[in-house]
Amino acid sequence: MEGYKKQINEKLGYFPFPGTLNIEIDENEMWKKQHILRMEPIIITGFKDKNRTYGDLFAYKCKIEGNECGLIVPIRTHHGPKIIEIISRLDLKKALNKKDGDKVRVVF
């Protein structure tokens, strides 16, 4: 979204591909998400457009297969707690040659 793009470039170092890679965390790995969310976030400030208000995002730098990425945690989301959203300058699914259900390793 345009309201986030400039801030993401300034704070994470790239303009993000328009879309996220949504990853479902295995039930046995949920403790890792909680550990990451205790780290100091990079705050991407929310904004308003003509139709609605968009909330802040918490971002955490990470890598997937050597590619710079960011885990983003929106203040408001429609995803359940087992889903994390990853942004990157790349279309990660294509760049990593992944399809739905494939595993990825996210490194912080």
PDB file of N, CA and C in Angstrom:
ATOM      1  N   MET A   1       0.836  -1.179   0.000  1.00  0.00           N
ATOM      2  CA  MET A   1       0.000   0.000   0.000  1.00  0.00           C
ATOM      3  C   MET A   1       0.882   1.244   0.000  1.00  0.00           C
ATOM      4  N   GLU A   2       0.449   2.216  -0.764  1.00  0.00           N
ATOM      5  CA  GLU A   2       1.252   3.429  -0.935  1.00  0.00           C
ATOM      6  C   GLU A   2       1.618   4.093   0.390  1.00  0.00           C
ATOM      7  N   GLY A   3       0.697   4.113   1.332  1.00  0.00           N
ATOM      8  CA  GLY A   3       0.955   4.764   2.613  1.00  0.00           C
ATOM      9  C   GLY A   3       2.055   4.116   3.429  1.00  0.00           C
ATOM     10  N   TYR A   4       2.376   2.870   3.147  1.00  0.00           N
ATOM     11  CA  TYR A   4       3.433   2.149   3.863  1.00  0.00           C
ATOM     12  C   TYR A   4       4.746   2.098   3.078  1.00  0.00           C
ATOM     13  N   LYS A   5       4.693   2.161   1.734  1.00  0.00           N
ATOM     14  CA  LYS A   5       5.857   1.889   0.888  1.00  0.00           C
ATOM     15  C   LYS A   5       7.069   2.760   1.209  1.00  0.00           C
ATOM     16  N   LYS A   6       6.871   4.068   1.299  1.00  0.00           N
ATOM     17  CA  LYS A   6       7.993   4.978   1.550  1.00  0.00           C
ATOM     18  C   LYS A   6       8.643   4.678   2.901  1.00  0.00           C
ATOM     19  N   GLN A   7       7.817   4.463   3.918  1.00  0.00           N
ATOM     20  CA  GLN A   7       8.352   4.157   5.248  1.00  0.00           C
ATOM     21  C   GLN A   7       9.131   2.841   5.265  1.00  0.00           C
ATOM     22  N   ILE A   8       8.610   1.844   4.558  1.00  0.00           N
ATOM     23  CA  ILE A   8       9.300   0.555   4.499  1.00  0.00           C
ATOM     24  C   ILE A   8      10.656   0.734   3.823  1.00  0.00           C
ATOM     25  N   ASN A   9      10.704   1.524   2.751  1.00  0.00           N
ATOM     26  CA  ASN A   9      11.979   1.788   2.093  1.00  0.00           C
ATOM     27  C   ASN A   9      12.950   2.493   3.042  1.00  0.00           C
ATOM     28  N   GLU A  10      12.466   3.501   3.753  1.00  0.00           N
ATOM     29  CA  GLU A  10      13.322   4.251   4.678  1.00  0.00           C
ATOM     30  C   GLU A  10      13.804   3.385   5.845  1.00  0.00           C
ATOM     31  N   LYS A  11      12.939   2.540   6.368  1.00  0.00           N
ATOM     32  CA  LYS A  11      13.250   1.810   7.593  1.00  0.00           C
ATOM     33  C   LYS A  11      13.803   0.408   7.369  1.00  0.00           C
ATOM     34  N   LEU A  12      13.433  -0.228   6.255  1.00  0.00           N
ATOM     35  CA  LEU A  12      13.915  -1.582   5.975  1.00  0.00           C
ATOM     36  C   LEU A  12      14.876  -1.630   4.795  1.00  0.00           C
ATOM     37  N   GLY A  13      14.896  -0.571   3.975  1.00  0.00           N
ATOM     38  CA  GLY A  13      15.882  -0.480   2.913  1.00  0.00           C
ATOM     39  C   GLY A  13      15.447  -0.939   1.539  1.00  0.00           C
ATOM     40  N   TYR A  14      14.157  -1.102   1.298  1.00  0.00           N
ATOM     41  CA  TYR A  14      13.674  -1.498  -0.026  1.00  0.00           C
ATOM     42  C   TYR A  14      12.201  -1.153  -0.171  1.00  0.00           C
ATOM     43  N   PHE A  15      11.796  -0.967  -1.430  1.00  0.00           N
ATOM     44  CA  PHE A  15      10.375  -0.822  -1.731  1.00  0.00           C
ATOM     45  C   PHE A  15       9.810  -2.230  -1.849  1.00  0.00           C
ATOM     46  N   PRO A  16       8.756  -2.541  -1.108  1.00  0.00           N
ATOM     47  CA  PRO A  16       8.252  -3.922  -1.075  1.00  0.00           C
ATOM     48  C   PRO A  16       7.454  -4.303  -2.328  1.00  0.00           C
ATOM     49  N   PHE A  17       7.572  -5.575  -2.688  1.00  0.00           N
ATOM     50  CA  PHE A  17       6.694  -6.158  -3.694  1.00  0.00           C
ATOM     51  C   PHE A  17       5.260  -6.004  -3.183  1.00  0.00           C
ATOM     52  N   PRO A  18       4.298  -5.705  -4.061  1.00  0.00           N
ATOM     53  CA  PRO A  18       2.915  -5.501  -3.595  1.00  0.00           C
ATOM     54  C   PRO A  18       2.215  -6.812  -3.244  1.00  0.00           C
ATOM     55  N   GLY A  19       2.462  -7.281  -2.061  1.00  0.00           N
ATOM     56  CA  GLY A  19       1.850  -8.512  -1.568  1.00  0.00           C
ATOM     57  C   GLY A  19       2.762  -9.140  -0.527  1.00  0.00           C
ATOM     58  N   THR A  20       2.208  -9.985   0.277  1.00  0.00           N
ATOM     59  CA  THR A  20       2.995 -10.649   1.311  1.00  0.00           C
ATOM     60  C   THR A  20       3.065 -12.150   1.038  1.00  0.00           C
ATOM     61  N   LEU A  21       4.111 -12.768   1.556  1.00  0.00           N
ATOM     62  CA  LEU A  21       4.194 -14.218   1.590  1.00  0.00           C
ATOM     63  C   LEU A  21       3.638 -14.622   2.943  1.00  0.00           C
ATOM     64  N   ASN A  22       2.505 -15.281   2.942  1.00  0.00           N
ATOM     65  CA  ASN A  22       1.874 -15.698   4.195  1.00  0.00           C
ATOM     66  C   ASN A  22       2.328 -17.107   4.526  1.00  0.00           C
ATOM     67  N   ILE A  23       2.856 -17.250   5.733  1.00  0.00           N
ATOM     68  CA  ILE A  23       3.421 -18.514   6.170  1.00  0.00           C
ATOM     69  C   ILE A  23       2.634 -19.017   7.368  1.00  0.00           C
ATOM     70  N   GLU A  24       2.213 -20.271   7.305  1.00  0.00           N
ATOM     71  CA  GLU A  24       1.533 -20.889   8.441  1.00  0.00           C
ATOM     72  C   GLU A  24       2.579 -21.562   9.320  1.00  0.00           C
ATOM     73  N   ILE A  25       2.577 -21.186  10.580  1.00  0.00           N
ATOM     74  CA  ILE A  25       3.532 -21.737  11.537  1.00  0.00           C
ATOM     75  C   ILE A  25       2.971 -23.031  12.104  1.00  0.00           C
ATOM     76  N   ASP A  26       3.822 -24.038  12.150  1.00  0.00           N
ATOM     77  CA  ASP A  26       3.450 -25.307  12.759  1.00  0.00           C
ATOM     78  C   ASP A  26       3.144 -25.074  14.243  1.00  0.00           C
ATOM     79  N   GLU A  27       2.159 -25.771  14.744  1.00  0.00           N
ATOM     80  CA  GLU A  27       1.743 -25.634  16.153  1.00  0.00           C
ATOM     81  C   GLU A  27       2.921 -25.759  17.121  1.00  0.00           C
ATOM     82  N   ASN A  28       3.855 -26.641  16.826  1.00  0.00           N
ATOM     83  CA  ASN A  28       5.011 -26.856  17.697  1.00  0.00           C
ATOM     84  C   ASN A  28       6.044 -25.735  17.609  1.00  0.00           C
ATOM     85  N   GLU A  29       5.893 -24.823  16.651  1.00  0.00           N
ATOM     86  CA  GLU A  29       6.843 -23.727  16.455  1.00  0.00           C
ATOM     87  C   GLU A  29       6.302 -22.379  16.931  1.00  0.00           C
ATOM     88  N   MET A  30       5.090 -22.358  17.469  1.00  0.00           N
ATOM     89  CA  MET A  30       4.475 -21.094  17.886  1.00  0.00           C
ATOM     90  C   MET A  30       5.300 -20.348  18.923  1.00  0.00           C
ATOM     91  N   TRP A  31       6.045 -21.056  19.741  1.00  0.00           N
ATOM     92  CA  TRP A  31       6.876 -20.405  20.752  1.00  0.00           C
ATOM     93  C   TRP A  31       7.908 -19.492  20.104  1.00  0.00           C
ATOM     94  N   LYS A  32       8.354 -19.831  18.901  1.00  0.00           N
ATOM     95  CA  LYS A  32       9.341 -18.999  18.202  1.00  0.00           C
ATOM     96  C   LYS A  32       8.737 -17.648  17.834  1.00  0.00           C
ATOM     97  N   LYS A  33       7.485 -17.652  17.380  1.00  0.00           N
ATOM     98  CA  LYS A  33       6.822 -16.393  17.044  1.00  0.00           C
ATOM     99  C   LYS A  33       6.737 -15.511  18.281  1.00  0.00           C
ATOM    100  N   GLN A  34       6.361 -16.092  19.402  1.00  0.00           N
ATOM    101  CA  GLN A  34       6.258 -15.303  20.632  1.00  0.00           C
ATOM    102  C   GLN A  34       7.612 -14.721  21.032  1.00  0.00           C
ATOM    103  N   HIS A  35       8.677 -15.475  20.828  1.00  0.00           N
ATOM    104  CA  HIS A  35      10.025 -14.996  21.134  1.00  0.00           C
ATOM    105  C   HIS A  35      10.387 -13.803  20.243  1.00  0.00           C
ATOM    106  N   ILE A  36      10.092 -13.904  18.957  1.00  0.00           N
ATOM    107  CA  ILE A  36      10.401 -12.830  18.011  1.00  0.00           C
ATOM    108  C   ILE A  36       9.623 -11.568  18.367  1.00  0.00           C
ATOM    109  N   LEU A  37       8.365 -11.718  18.724  1.00  0.00           N
ATOM    110  CA  LEU A  37       7.531 -10.548  19.020  1.00  0.00           C
ATOM    111  C   LEU A  37       7.945  -9.830  20.293  1.00  0.00           C
ATOM    112  N   ARG A  38       8.848 -10.414  21.065  1.00  0.00           N
ATOM    113  CA  ARG A  38       9.393  -9.721  22.238  1.00  0.00           C
ATOM    114  C   ARG A  38      10.563  -8.805  21.865  1.00  0.00           C
ATOM    115  N   MET A  39      11.070  -8.947  20.640  1.00  0.00           N
ATOM    116  CA  MET A  39      12.154  -8.091  20.168  1.00  0.00           C
ATOM    117  C   MET A  39      11.618  -6.685  19.914  1.00  0.00           C
ATOM    118  N   GLU A  40      12.510  -5.713  19.861  1.00  0.00           N
ATOM    119  CA  GLU A  40      12.123  -4.328  19.584  1.00  0.00           C
ATOM    120  C   GLU A  40      11.688  -4.215  18.119  1.00  0.00           C
ATOM    121  N   PRO A  41      10.450  -3.785  17.858  1.00  0.00           N
ATOM    122  CA  PRO A  41       9.994  -3.691  16.465  1.00  0.00           C
ATOM    123  C   PRO A  41      10.435  -2.401  15.788  1.00  0.00           C
ATOM    124  N   ILE A  42      10.447  -2.431  14.487  1.00  0.00           N
ATOM    125  CA  ILE A  42      10.537  -1.224  13.669  1.00  0.00           C
ATOM    126  C   ILE A  42       9.090  -0.840  13.406  1.00  0.00           C
ATOM    127  N   ILE A  43       8.713   0.377  13.766  1.00  0.00           N
ATOM    128  CA  ILE A  43       7.307   0.777  13.643  1.00  0.00           C
ATOM    129  C   ILE A  43       7.077   1.494  12.322  1.00  0.00           C
ATOM    130  N   ILE A  44       6.138   0.966  11.562  1.00  0.00           N
ATOM    131  CA  ILE A  44       5.676   1.580  10.316  1.00  0.00           C
ATOM    132  C   ILE A  44       4.328   2.217  10.652  1.00  0.00           C
ATOM    133  N   THR A  45       4.275   3.526  10.568  1.00  0.00           N
ATOM    134  CA  THR A  45       3.114   4.280  11.034  1.00  0.00           C
ATOM    135  C   THR A  45       1.930   4.137  10.075  1.00  0.00           C
ATOM    136  N   GLY A  46       0.761   3.970  10.655  1.00  0.00           N
ATOM    137  CA  GLY A  46      -0.471   3.873   9.881  1.00  0.00           C
ATOM    138  C   GLY A  46      -0.818   5.184   9.192  1.00  0.00           C
ATOM    139  N   PHE A  47      -1.867   5.156   8.390  1.00  0.00           N
ATOM    140  CA  PHE A  47      -2.269   6.321   7.607  1.00  0.00           C
ATOM    141  C   PHE A  47      -3.755   6.234   7.285  1.00  0.00           C
ATOM    142  N   LYS A  48      -4.278   7.313   6.712  1.00  0.00           N
ATOM    143  CA  LYS A  48      -5.673   7.361   6.266  1.00  0.00           C
ATOM    144  C   LYS A  48      -5.701   7.639   4.781  1.00  0.00           C
ATOM    145  N   ASP A  49      -6.675   7.052   4.087  1.00  0.00           N
ATOM    146  CA  ASP A  49      -6.959   7.457   2.720  1.00  0.00           C
ATOM    147  C   ASP A  49      -8.412   7.927   2.675  1.00  0.00           C
ATOM    148  N   LYS A  50      -8.967   8.071   1.502  1.00  0.00           N
ATOM    149  CA  LYS A  50     -10.334   8.583   1.390  1.00  0.00           C
ATOM    150  C   LYS A  50     -11.376   7.664   2.013  1.00  0.00           C
ATOM    151  N   ASN A  51     -11.076   6.354   2.060  1.00  0.00           N
ATOM    152  CA  ASN A  51     -12.083   5.388   2.479  1.00  0.00           C
ATOM    153  C   ASN A  51     -11.908   4.820   3.873  1.00  0.00           C
ATOM    154  N   ARG A  52     -10.667   4.750   4.356  1.00  0.00           N
ATOM    155  CA  ARG A  52     -10.492   4.087   5.648  1.00  0.00           C
ATOM    156  C   ARG A  52      -9.172   4.466   6.289  1.00  0.00           C
ATOM    157  N   THR A  53      -8.992   3.971   7.508  1.00  0.00           N
ATOM    158  CA  THR A  53      -7.773   4.176   8.268  1.00  0.00           C
ATOM    159  C   THR A  53      -7.006   2.867   8.321  1.00  0.00           C
ATOM    160  N   TYR A  54      -5.695   2.942   8.125  1.00  0.00           N
ATOM    161  CA  TYR A  54      -4.810   1.776   8.188  1.00  0.00           C
ATOM    162  C   TYR A  54      -3.928   1.919   9.418  1.00  0.00           C
ATOM    163  N   GLY A  55      -3.850   0.862  10.202  1.00  0.00           N
ATOM    164  CA  GLY A  55      -3.111   0.921  11.455  1.00  0.00           C
ATOM    165  C   GLY A  55      -1.615   0.748  11.292  1.00  0.00           C
ATOM    166  N   ASP A  56      -0.917   0.952  12.393  1.00  0.00           N
ATOM    167  CA  ASP A  56       0.528   0.758  12.428  1.00  0.00           C
ATOM    168  C   ASP A  56       0.877  -0.698  12.130  1.00  0.00           C
ATOM    169  N   LEU A  57       2.098  -0.898  11.646  1.00  0.00           N
ATOM    170  CA  LEU A  57       2.663  -2.232  11.466  1.00  0.00           C
ATOM    171  C   LEU A  57       3.905  -2.325  12.341  1.00  0.00           C
ATOM    172  N   PHE A  58       4.128  -3.457  12.946  1.00  0.00           N
ATOM    173  CA  PHE A  58       5.407  -3.740  13.580  1.00  0.00           C
ATOM    174  C   PHE A  58       6.184  -4.571  12.573  1.00  0.00           C
ATOM    175  N   ALA A  59       7.446  -4.226  12.354  1.00  0.00           N
ATOM    176  CA  ALA A  59       8.274  -4.947  11.390  1.00  0.00           C
ATOM    177  C   ALA A  59       9.533  -5.457  12.080  1.00  0.00           C
ATOM    178  N   TYR A  60      10.001  -6.615  11.613  1.00  0.00           N
ATOM    179  CA  TYR A  60      11.198  -7.255  12.149  1.00  0.00           C
ATOM    180  C   TYR A  60      12.021  -7.736  10.954  1.00  0.00           C
ATOM    181  N   LYS A  61      13.268  -7.275  10.846  1.00  0.00           N
ATOM    182  CA  LYS A  61      14.119  -7.696   9.729  1.00  0.00           C
ATOM    183  C   LYS A  61      14.409  -9.189   9.831  1.00  0.00           C
ATOM    184  N   CYS A  62      14.410  -9.842   8.674  1.00  0.00           N
ATOM    185  CA  CYS A  62      14.705 -11.274   8.615  1.00  0.00           C
ATOM    186  C   CYS A  62      15.217 -11.609   7.221  1.00  0.00           C
ATOM    187  N   LYS A  63      15.558 -12.872   7.015  1.00  0.00           N
ATOM    188  CA  LYS A  63      16.000 -13.361   5.710  1.00  0.00           C
ATOM    189  C   LYS A  63      15.349 -14.709   5.431  1.00  0.00           C
ATOM    190  N   ILE A  64      15.096 -14.928   4.148  1.00  0.00           N
ATOM    191  CA  ILE A  64      14.659 -16.242   3.672  1.00  0.00           C
ATOM    192  C   ILE A  64      15.590 -16.594   2.519  1.00  0.00           C
ATOM    193  N   GLU A  65      16.320 -17.681   2.674  1.00  0.00           N
ATOM    194  CA  GLU A  65      17.284 -18.131   1.671  1.00  0.00           C
ATOM    195  C   GLU A  65      18.187 -16.995   1.207  1.00  0.00           C
ATOM    196  N   GLY A  66      18.675 -16.198   2.160  1.00  0.00           N
ATOM    197  CA  GLY A  66      19.603 -15.112   1.875  1.00  0.00           C
ATOM    198  C   GLY A  66      18.972 -13.831   1.379  1.00  0.00           C
ATOM    199  N   ASN A  67      17.669 -13.807   1.174  1.00  0.00           N
ATOM    200  CA  ASN A  67      16.960 -12.615   0.699  1.00  0.00           C
ATOM    201  C   ASN A  67      16.488 -11.774   1.870  1.00  0.00           C
ATOM    202  N   GLU A  68      16.810 -10.469   1.819  1.00  0.00           N
ATOM    203  CA  GLU A  68      16.357  -9.542   2.854  1.00  0.00           C
ATOM    204  C   GLU A  68      14.836  -9.466   2.829  1.00  0.00           C
ATOM    205  N   CYS A  69      14.237  -9.623   3.999  1.00  0.00           N
ATOM    206  CA  CYS A  69      12.782  -9.618   4.129  1.00  0.00           C
ATOM    207  C   CYS A  69      12.400  -8.894   5.413  1.00  0.00           C
ATOM    208  N   GLY A  70      11.123  -8.805   5.636  1.00  0.00           N
ATOM    209  CA  GLY A  70      10.604  -8.274   6.884  1.00  0.00           C
ATOM    210  C   GLY A  70       9.353  -9.021   7.292  1.00  0.00           C
ATOM    211  N   LEU A  71       9.340  -9.448   8.538  1.00  0.00           N
ATOM    212  CA  LEU A  71       8.109  -9.980   9.121  1.00  0.00           C
ATOM    213  C   LEU A  71       7.307  -8.762   9.519  1.00  0.00           C
ATOM    214  N   ILE A  72       6.090  -8.664   9.050  1.00  0.00           N
ATOM    215  CA  ILE A  72       5.240  -7.547   9.452  1.00  0.00           C
ATOM    216  C   ILE A  72       4.083  -8.068  10.280  1.00  0.00           C
ATOM    217  N   VAL A  73       3.774  -7.310  11.303  1.00  0.00           N
ATOM    218  CA  VAL A  73       2.669  -7.658  12.194  1.00  0.00           C
ATOM    219  C   VAL A  73       1.734  -6.454  12.233  1.00  0.00           C
ATOM    220  N   PRO A  74       0.647  -6.511  11.479  1.00  0.00           N
ATOM    221  CA  PRO A  74      -0.321  -5.410  11.519  1.00  0.00           C
ATOM    222  C   PRO A  74      -1.043  -5.373  12.865  1.00  0.00           C
ATOM    223  N   ILE A  75      -1.346  -4.180  13.309  1.00  0.00           N
ATOM    224  CA  ILE A  75      -2.120  -4.044  14.547  1.00  0.00           C
ATOM    225  C   ILE A  75      -3.498  -4.679  14.349  1.00  0.00           C
ATOM    226  N   ARG A  76      -4.066  -4.487  13.157  1.00  0.00           N
ATOM    227  CA  ARG A  76      -5.335  -5.136  12.810  1.00  0.00           C
ATOM    228  C   ARG A  76      -5.067  -6.104  11.672  1.00  0.00           C
ATOM    229  N   THR A  77      -5.537  -7.324  11.812  1.00  0.00           N
ATOM    230  CA  THR A  77      -5.340  -8.322  10.766  1.00  0.00           C
ATOM    231  C   THR A  77      -6.525  -9.275  10.742  1.00  0.00           C
ATOM    232  N   HIS A  78      -6.739  -9.886   9.595  1.00  0.00           N
ATOM    233  CA  HIS A  78      -7.789 -10.897   9.494  1.00  0.00           C
ATOM    234  C   HIS A  78      -7.192 -12.304   9.557  1.00  0.00           C
ATOM    235  N   HIS A  79      -5.859 -12.392   9.658  1.00  0.00           N
ATOM    236  CA  HIS A  79      -5.201 -13.695   9.773  1.00  0.00           C
ATOM    237  C   HIS A  79      -5.218 -14.174  11.224  1.00  0.00           C
ATOM    238  N   GLY A  80      -5.276 -15.472  11.394  1.00  0.00           N
ATOM    239  CA  GLY A  80      -5.195 -16.051  12.731  1.00  0.00           C
ATOM    240  C   GLY A  80      -3.764 -16.031  13.255  1.00  0.00           C
ATOM    241  N   PRO A  81      -3.558 -16.447  14.495  1.00  0.00           N
ATOM    242  CA  PRO A  81      -2.237 -16.373  15.120  1.00  0.00           C
ATOM    243  C   PRO A  81      -1.187 -17.302  14.504  1.00  0.00           C
ATOM    244  N   LYS A  82      -1.605 -18.293  13.729  1.00  0.00           N
ATOM    245  CA  LYS A  82      -0.644 -19.221  13.127  1.00  0.00           C
ATOM    246  C   LYS A  82      -0.057 -18.703  11.817  1.00  0.00           C
ATOM    247  N   ILE A  83      -0.533 -17.545  11.342  1.00  0.00           N
ATOM    248  CA  ILE A  83      -0.057 -16.990  10.074  1.00  0.00           C
ATOM    249  C   ILE A  83       0.861 -15.804  10.341  1.00  0.00           C
ATOM    250  N   ILE A  84       2.039 -15.815   9.685  1.00  0.00           N
ATOM    251  CA  ILE A  84       2.906 -14.636   9.698  1.00  0.00           C
ATOM    252  C   ILE A  84       2.989 -14.111   8.265  1.00  0.00           C
ATOM    253  N   GLU A  85       3.195 -12.801   8.149  1.00  0.00           N
ATOM    254  CA  GLU A  85       3.260 -12.144   6.847  1.00  0.00           C
ATOM    255  C   GLU A  85       4.676 -11.633   6.615  1.00  0.00           C
ATOM    256  N   ILE A  86       5.235 -11.981   5.468  1.00  0.00           N
ATOM    257  CA  ILE A  86       6.591 -11.593   5.125  1.00  0.00           C
ATOM    258  C   ILE A  86       6.554 -10.681   3.904  1.00  0.00           C
ATOM    259  N   ILE A  87       7.315  -9.575   3.974  1.00  0.00           N
ATOM    260  CA  ILE A  87       7.466  -8.681   2.826  1.00  0.00           C
ATOM    261  C   ILE A  87       8.906  -8.754   2.333  1.00  0.00           C
ATOM    262  N   SER A  88       9.087  -8.371   1.083  1.00  0.00           N
ATOM    263  CA  SER A  88      10.401  -8.360   0.454  1.00  0.00           C
ATOM    264  C   SER A  88      10.313  -7.497  -0.788  1.00  0.00           C
ATOM    265  N   ARG A  89      11.456  -7.135  -1.337  1.00  0.00           N
ATOM    266  CA  ARG A  89      11.445  -6.426  -2.618  1.00  0.00           C
ATOM    267  C   ARG A  89      11.035  -7.375  -3.745  1.00  0.00           C
ATOM    268  N   LEU A  90      11.154  -8.669  -3.493  1.00  0.00           N
ATOM    269  CA  LEU A  90      10.882  -9.699  -4.489  1.00  0.00           C
ATOM    270  C   LEU A  90       9.488 -10.302  -4.322  1.00  0.00           C
ATOM    271  N   ASP A  91       8.994 -10.882  -5.378  1.00  0.00           N
ATOM    272  CA  ASP A  91       7.850 -11.784  -5.280  1.00  0.00           C
ATOM    273  C   ASP A  91       8.449 -13.089  -4.776  1.00  0.00           C
ATOM    274  N   LEU A  92       8.452 -13.279  -3.476  1.00  0.00           N
ATOM    275  CA  LEU A  92       9.172 -14.388  -2.855  1.00  0.00           C
ATOM    276  C   LEU A  92       8.734 -15.752  -3.360  1.00  0.00           C
ATOM    277  N   LYS A  93       7.467 -15.916  -3.561  1.00  0.00           N
ATOM    278  CA  LYS A  93       6.966 -17.221  -4.011  1.00  0.00           C
ATOM    279  C   LYS A  93       7.607 -17.613  -5.349  1.00  0.00           C
ATOM    280  N   LYS A  94       7.692 -16.653  -6.259  1.00  0.00           N
ATOM    281  CA  LYS A  94       8.317 -16.920  -7.557  1.00  0.00           C
ATOM    282  C   LYS A  94       9.832 -17.011  -7.427  1.00  0.00           C
ATOM    283  N   ALA A  95      10.436 -16.066  -6.716  1.00  0.00           N
ATOM    284  CA  ALA A  95      11.894 -16.028  -6.591  1.00  0.00           C
ATOM    285  C   ALA A  95      12.449 -17.295  -5.941  1.00  0.00           C
ATOM    286  N   LEU A  96      11.706 -17.850  -4.994  1.00  0.00           N
ATOM    287  CA  LEU A  96      12.154 -19.047  -4.284  1.00  0.00           C
ATOM    288  C   LEU A  96      11.613 -20.332  -4.913  1.00  0.00           C
ATOM    289  N   ASN A  97      10.808 -20.161  -5.971  1.00  0.00           N
ATOM    290  CA  ASN A  97      10.194 -21.295  -6.656  1.00  0.00           C
ATOM    291  C   ASN A  97       9.391 -22.166  -5.674  1.00  0.00           C
ATOM    292  N   LYS A  98       8.525 -21.504  -4.911  1.00  0.00           N
ATOM    293  CA  LYS A  98       7.702 -22.193  -3.913  1.00  0.00           C
ATOM    294  C   LYS A  98       6.251 -22.235  -4.361  1.00  0.00           C
ATOM    295  N   LYS A  99       5.574 -23.259  -3.892  1.00  0.00           N
ATOM    296  CA  LYS A  99       4.130 -23.354  -4.120  1.00  0.00           C
ATOM    297  C   LYS A  99       3.452 -23.513  -2.761  1.00  0.00           C
ATOM    298  N   ASP A 100       2.154 -23.354  -2.727  1.00  0.00           N
ATOM    299  CA  ASP A 100       1.411 -23.485  -1.475  1.00  0.00           C
ATOM    300  C   ASP A 100       1.749 -24.806  -0.800  1.00  0.00           C
ATOM    301  N   GLY A 101       2.040 -24.737   0.494  1.00  0.00           N
ATOM    302  CA  GLY A 101       2.349 -25.928   1.272  1.00  0.00           C
ATOM    303  C   GLY A 101       3.838 -26.217   1.404  1.00  0.00           C
ATOM    304  N   ASP A 102       4.686 -25.574   0.563  1.00  0.00           N
ATOM    305  CA  ASP A 102       6.128 -25.770   0.690  1.00  0.00           C
ATOM    306  C   ASP A 102       6.644 -25.122   1.975  1.00  0.00           C
ATOM    307  N   LYS A 103       7.727 -25.657   2.486  1.00  0.00           N
ATOM    308  CA  LYS A 103       8.328 -25.128   3.707  1.00  0.00           C
ATOM    309  C   LYS A 103       9.385 -24.087   3.360  1.00  0.00           C
ATOM    310  N   VAL A 104       9.513 -23.085   4.238  1.00  0.00           N
ATOM    311  CA  VAL A 104      10.575 -22.086   4.153  1.00  0.00           C
ATOM    312  C   VAL A 104      11.154 -21.879   5.539  1.00  0.00           C
ATOM    313  N   ARG A 105      12.393 -21.446   5.581  1.00  0.00           N
ATOM    314  CA  ARG A 105      13.046 -21.144   6.853  1.00  0.00           C
ATOM    315  C   ARG A 105      13.274 -19.652   6.921  1.00  0.00           C
ATOM    316  N   VAL A 106      12.754 -19.037   7.973  1.00  0.00           N
ATOM    317  CA  VAL A 106      12.889 -17.605   8.196  1.00  0.00           C
ATOM    318  C   VAL A 106      13.935 -17.414   9.282  1.00  0.00           C
ATOM    319  N   VAL A 107      14.964 -16.594   8.967  1.00  0.00           N
ATOM    320  CA  VAL A 107      16.074 -16.381   9.907  1.00  0.00           C
ATOM    321  C   VAL A 107      16.041 -14.933  10.377  1.00  0.00           C
ATOM    322  N   PHE A 108      16.121 -14.752  11.697  1.00  0.00           N
ATOM    323  CA  PHE A 108      16.139 -13.408  12.288  1.00  0.00           C
ATOM    324  C   PHE A 108      17.494 -13.074  12.833  1.00  0.00           C
TER     325      PHE A 108
END
